[in-house]
Protein backbone atom coordinates (compact mmCIF):
# COMPACT_ATOMS: atom_id res chain seq x y z
CA MET A 1 -75.96 116.08 -28.09
CA GLU A 2 -73.02 115.55 -25.55
CA ASN A 3 -71.53 118.46 -27.07
CA ILE A 4 -74.74 120.77 -25.80
CA LYS A 5 -73.88 119.11 -22.02
CA VAL A 6 -70.41 120.44 -22.47
CA ASN A 7 -70.78 123.70 -23.64
CA LEU A 8 -74.21 124.70 -21.71
CA ALA A 9 -72.38 123.63 -18.63
CA LEU A 10 -69.38 127.16 -19.85
CA VAL A 11 -71.76 128.99 -20.26
CA LEU A 12 -73.57 128.91 -16.99
CA GLN A 13 -70.39 129.28 -15.65
CA GLN A 14 -68.92 132.58 -18.09
CA ILE A 15 -71.96 134.24 -16.17
CA GLU A 16 -71.44 133.01 -13.38
CA GLN A 17 -67.68 135.00 -13.03
CA SER A 18 -69.05 137.54 -15.21
CA VAL A 19 -71.54 137.99 -12.54
CA GLN A 20 -68.97 137.93 -9.72
CA LEU A 21 -66.71 140.24 -11.47
CA ALA A 22 -69.05 142.88 -11.97
CA GLN A 23 -69.90 141.72 -8.39
CA ARG A 24 -73.66 141.15 -8.29
CA ASP A 25 -76.41 139.31 -6.77
CA GLU A 26 -76.14 135.74 -7.10
CA ASN A 27 -78.43 134.66 -9.67
CA SER A 28 -79.08 138.32 -11.92
CA VAL A 29 -78.92 137.02 -14.55
CA ARG A 30 -80.98 134.90 -16.71
CA LEU A 31 -79.97 132.28 -19.34
CA LEU A 32 -81.88 132.54 -23.41
CA ALA A 33 -80.70 129.67 -24.86
CA VAL A 34 -81.34 131.48 -28.60
CA SER A 35 -82.54 128.43 -30.72
CA LYS A 36 -83.63 129.50 -33.73
CA THR A 37 -82.49 126.91 -36.83
CA LYS A 38 -81.84 124.18 -34.45
CA PRO A 39 -83.81 120.91 -34.37
CA VAL A 40 -86.17 119.55 -31.86
CA ALA A 41 -83.91 117.12 -30.54
CA ALA A 42 -81.51 119.87 -29.52
CA LEU A 43 -84.11 122.50 -27.45
CA GLU A 44 -84.90 119.11 -25.77
CA ALA A 45 -81.57 118.24 -24.90
CA ALA A 46 -80.85 121.73 -23.15
CA TYR A 47 -83.77 121.18 -21.18
CA PHE A 48 -83.23 117.54 -19.67
CA LEU A 49 -80.05 119.44 -18.91
CA GLY A 50 -82.12 122.51 -16.86
CA GLN A 51 -82.62 124.77 -19.45
CA ARG A 52 -86.13 126.65 -19.62
CA ALA A 53 -85.59 129.91 -21.57
CA PHE A 54 -85.34 129.29 -25.46
CA GLY A 55 -85.12 132.26 -27.98
CA GLU A 56 -86.42 132.03 -31.64
CA ASN A 57 -86.06 134.66 -34.57
CA TYR A 58 -88.51 132.53 -37.22
CA VAL A 59 -92.06 132.97 -36.76
CA GLN A 60 -93.28 130.20 -38.31
CA GLU A 61 -90.28 127.72 -36.97
CA ALA A 62 -91.16 128.59 -33.38
CA VAL A 63 -94.85 127.99 -33.68
CA ASP A 64 -93.67 124.25 -35.16
CA LYS A 65 -91.43 124.13 -31.96
CA TYR A 66 -94.10 125.16 -30.08
CA HIS A 67 -95.90 122.24 -30.88
CA ALA A 68 -93.56 120.19 -30.91
CA LEU A 69 -92.88 120.19 -27.31
CA SER A 70 -95.62 121.26 -26.25
CA HIS A 71 -95.43 118.59 -24.01
CA LEU A 72 -92.75 120.41 -21.79
CA THR A 73 -95.16 121.79 -19.79
CA ASP A 74 -92.88 124.90 -18.02
CA ILE A 75 -91.00 125.44 -20.93
CA GLU A 76 -90.70 129.08 -22.13
CA TRP A 77 -90.65 130.82 -25.79
CA HIS A 78 -89.26 133.81 -26.99
CA PHE A 79 -89.41 135.86 -29.39
CA ILE A 80 -87.00 138.11 -29.75
CA GLY A 81 -86.77 139.03 -33.62
CA PRO A 82 -89.03 140.99 -36.33
CA ILE A 83 -92.36 141.18 -36.33
CA GLN A 84 -94.52 141.44 -39.60
CA SER A 85 -98.01 142.65 -39.03
CA ASN A 86 -99.44 139.63 -41.12
CA LYS A 87 -97.61 137.09 -38.58
CA SER A 88 -98.16 138.84 -34.96
CA ARG A 89 -101.08 136.33 -34.74
CA LEU A 90 -98.50 133.77 -34.23
CA ILE A 91 -97.04 135.31 -32.06
CA ALA A 92 -99.63 136.17 -29.71
CA GLU A 93 -100.79 132.92 -29.49
CA THR A 94 -97.92 131.03 -28.46
CA MET A 95 -94.97 132.82 -26.95
CA HIS A 96 -94.35 133.81 -23.23
CA TRP A 97 -92.06 136.93 -24.19
CA VAL A 98 -92.03 139.61 -27.20
CA HIS A 99 -88.50 141.31 -27.43
CA SER A 100 -88.38 142.85 -29.95
CA ILE A 101 -91.65 145.60 -29.49
CA ASP A 102 -90.29 148.94 -31.92
CA ARG A 103 -93.38 150.18 -33.09
CA LYS A 104 -96.76 150.94 -31.91
CA LYS A 105 -98.73 148.50 -34.39
CA ILE A 106 -97.17 145.97 -33.33
CA ALA A 107 -97.82 146.19 -29.54
CA GLN A 108 -101.74 147.40 -30.32
CA ARG A 109 -101.91 144.41 -32.50
CA LEU A 110 -100.60 141.66 -30.10
CA ASN A 111 -102.75 143.15 -27.14
CA GLU A 112 -105.51 142.84 -29.05
CA GLN A 113 -104.59 138.71 -30.86
CA ARG A 114 -103.36 138.11 -27.24
CA PRO A 115 -106.20 134.85 -26.41
CA SER A 116 -108.21 135.24 -23.59
CA ASP A 117 -107.33 132.57 -21.64
CA LEU A 118 -103.73 133.64 -21.30
CA PRO A 119 -101.68 135.39 -19.11
CA ALA A 120 -100.34 138.92 -20.40
CA LEU A 121 -97.62 138.69 -22.67
CA ASN A 122 -94.07 139.69 -21.06
CA VAL A 123 -92.47 141.94 -23.44
CA CYS A 124 -89.58 143.78 -24.26
CA ILE A 125 -89.36 147.43 -25.81
CA GLN A 126 -86.66 146.70 -28.09
CA VAL A 127 -83.98 149.94 -28.54
CA ASN A 128 -81.80 150.56 -31.16
CA ILE A 129 -78.42 151.70 -29.25
CA SER A 130 -76.40 151.78 -32.76
CA GLY A 131 -78.32 153.94 -34.35
CA GLU A 132 -77.76 151.72 -36.87
CA ALA A 133 -80.13 152.31 -40.47
CA SER A 134 -80.00 148.06 -40.49
CA LYS A 135 -81.33 147.53 -37.25
CA SER A 136 -84.91 147.33 -35.70
CA GLY A 137 -85.87 149.96 -32.74
CA ILE A 138 -86.75 153.12 -31.48
CA ILE A 139 -84.23 155.26 -30.59
CA LEU A 140 -84.21 156.62 -26.97
CA SER A 141 -86.49 159.70 -27.13
CA GLU A 142 -89.20 157.63 -28.58
CA LEU A 143 -89.11 155.89 -25.09
CA ASP A 144 -91.47 157.72 -23.43
CA ASP A 145 -94.06 157.76 -25.31
CA MET A 146 -93.78 153.85 -26.05
CA VAL A 147 -93.66 153.17 -22.57
CA SER A 148 -96.89 155.07 -22.28
CA LEU A 149 -98.68 153.31 -24.76
CA VAL A 150 -97.63 149.69 -24.00
CA LYS A 151 -98.91 150.31 -20.21
CA SER A 152 -101.79 150.92 -21.21
CA LEU A 153 -102.12 147.99 -23.51
CA PRO A 154 -103.86 145.00 -20.94
CA ASN A 155 -103.00 142.15 -22.30
CA LEU A 156 -99.29 142.92 -22.62
CA ARG A 157 -96.79 143.26 -19.59
CA LEU A 158 -94.19 145.76 -20.16
CA ARG A 159 -91.51 143.61 -18.96
CA GLY A 160 -88.06 145.90 -19.80
CA LEU A 161 -85.39 146.84 -22.68
CA MET A 162 -83.38 145.20 -25.34
CA ALA A 163 -81.33 146.23 -26.94
CA ILE A 164 -78.79 144.38 -30.00
CA PRO A 165 -75.20 147.25 -30.81
CA ALA A 166 -72.69 147.13 -33.41
CA PRO A 167 -70.02 144.71 -32.74
CA GLN A 168 -66.93 146.81 -30.62
CA HIS A 169 -63.59 146.62 -30.87
CA SER A 170 -62.93 146.21 -27.02
CA HIS A 171 -64.64 145.76 -23.67
CA SER A 172 -64.16 149.06 -22.92
CA ASP A 173 -66.52 150.31 -26.35
CA GLN A 174 -68.89 148.02 -25.39
CA CYS A 175 -70.22 148.84 -21.96
CA ARG A 176 -69.99 152.40 -23.28
CA VAL A 177 -72.44 150.77 -26.19
CA TYR A 178 -74.79 150.28 -23.47
CA GLU A 179 -74.22 152.85 -21.02
CA PRO A 180 -77.33 155.05 -22.16
CA ILE A 181 -79.86 151.22 -22.64
CA SER A 182 -78.57 150.00 -18.82
CA GLN A 183 -78.59 153.64 -17.48
CA ALA A 184 -82.72 154.15 -18.65
CA PHE A 185 -83.60 150.99 -18.38
CA LEU A 186 -82.89 151.90 -14.37
CA GLU A 187 -85.24 154.13 -14.22
CA LEU A 188 -87.52 152.90 -15.42
CA SER A 189 -87.08 149.94 -13.01
CA LYS A 190 -87.09 152.58 -10.32
CA SER A 191 -90.52 154.38 -10.87
CA ASP A 192 -92.56 150.52 -11.69
CA SER A 193 -91.24 146.68 -9.71
CA MET A 194 -92.73 144.62 -13.16
CA ILE A 195 -90.51 146.64 -14.96
CA ASP A 196 -87.07 143.99 -14.00
CA THR A 197 -86.04 142.71 -17.79
CA LEU A 198 -82.44 144.59 -20.16
CA SER A 199 -82.25 141.71 -22.52
CA ILE A 200 -78.49 143.07 -23.77
CA GLY A 201 -75.91 140.46 -24.32
CA MET A 202 -74.54 137.60 -26.62
CA SER A 203 -72.05 135.77 -26.97
CA GLY A 204 -69.10 138.18 -28.40
CA ASP A 205 -69.74 141.01 -25.48
CA LEU A 206 -71.32 138.34 -22.69
CA ALA A 207 -69.15 140.16 -20.06
CA ALA A 208 -69.53 143.88 -20.59
CA ALA A 209 -73.23 143.62 -20.84
CA ILE A 210 -73.94 141.98 -16.98
CA GLU A 211 -71.57 144.29 -16.23
CA SER A 212 -73.55 147.18 -17.98
CA GLY A 213 -76.58 145.47 -15.53
CA SER A 214 -78.11 143.02 -18.31
CA THR A 215 -80.81 140.64 -16.39
CA MET A 216 -80.98 138.28 -19.20
CA VAL A 217 -77.76 137.49 -21.93
CA ARG A 218 -79.07 135.62 -25.51
CA ILE A 219 -76.29 132.83 -26.41
CA GLY A 220 -77.34 130.11 -29.74
CA THR A 221 -74.38 129.61 -31.00
CA ALA A 222 -72.10 128.46 -28.27
CA ILE A 223 -74.29 126.50 -26.98
CA PHE A 224 -75.75 124.67 -30.13
CA GLY A 225 -72.88 125.00 -32.29
CA GLU A 226 -73.30 125.87 -35.76
CA ARG A 227 -76.07 124.86 -37.75
CA ASP A 228 -77.27 121.45 -38.85
CA TYR A 229 -78.18 122.05 -42.42
CA SER A 230 -79.64 118.04 -42.54
CA ALA A 231 -80.97 118.37 -39.34
CA LYS A 232 -84.58 119.29 -39.25
CA LEU A 233 -87.31 120.01 -36.95
């Protein structure tokens, strides 16, 4: 697990450098360690190096890790993958954040299924900014209606927007693709102080995302390495 220590330090350094280049405030960008398919031991290693927020794409894997690491009481679980209706209860009962709200039905189910003894579920609305049919997310013209719905649900707390753009060939192209969601986020955050999260940026476009206003970047392989298929959760 020594590689995780080195990798995590490098990623945090890249974030810091990108923040400085973008002339943004120190600590204005959080790291979400994308831990899908990674063994529990890898998450523990990152946790004991100071990482607290972990992102999962697959519901059953996320729930299994939630239970396996329940002794780490300040760990923060983020669900970042597509949500099937029949899996929404498991997410509502275990996760702290959901980044992939893109259907009113899913938002309503999460609200109804969130246990009363837990705080409101932090959520981001996923926006399809590249117009890819294969990608989840609403289009920006639907954003106002989705924002109104989520804000009306007492067991959800709208924190911001998320996007996964199509790969671009240059830094300037990456920034161009992010411009519409960055502007939409700015407008939302001006009207509601609780909206403070723009979840954009992965390993390949981290600098452009931070220049575009990202407050949370999602990094996986650069921290944990490629999947070891012999490892057990």
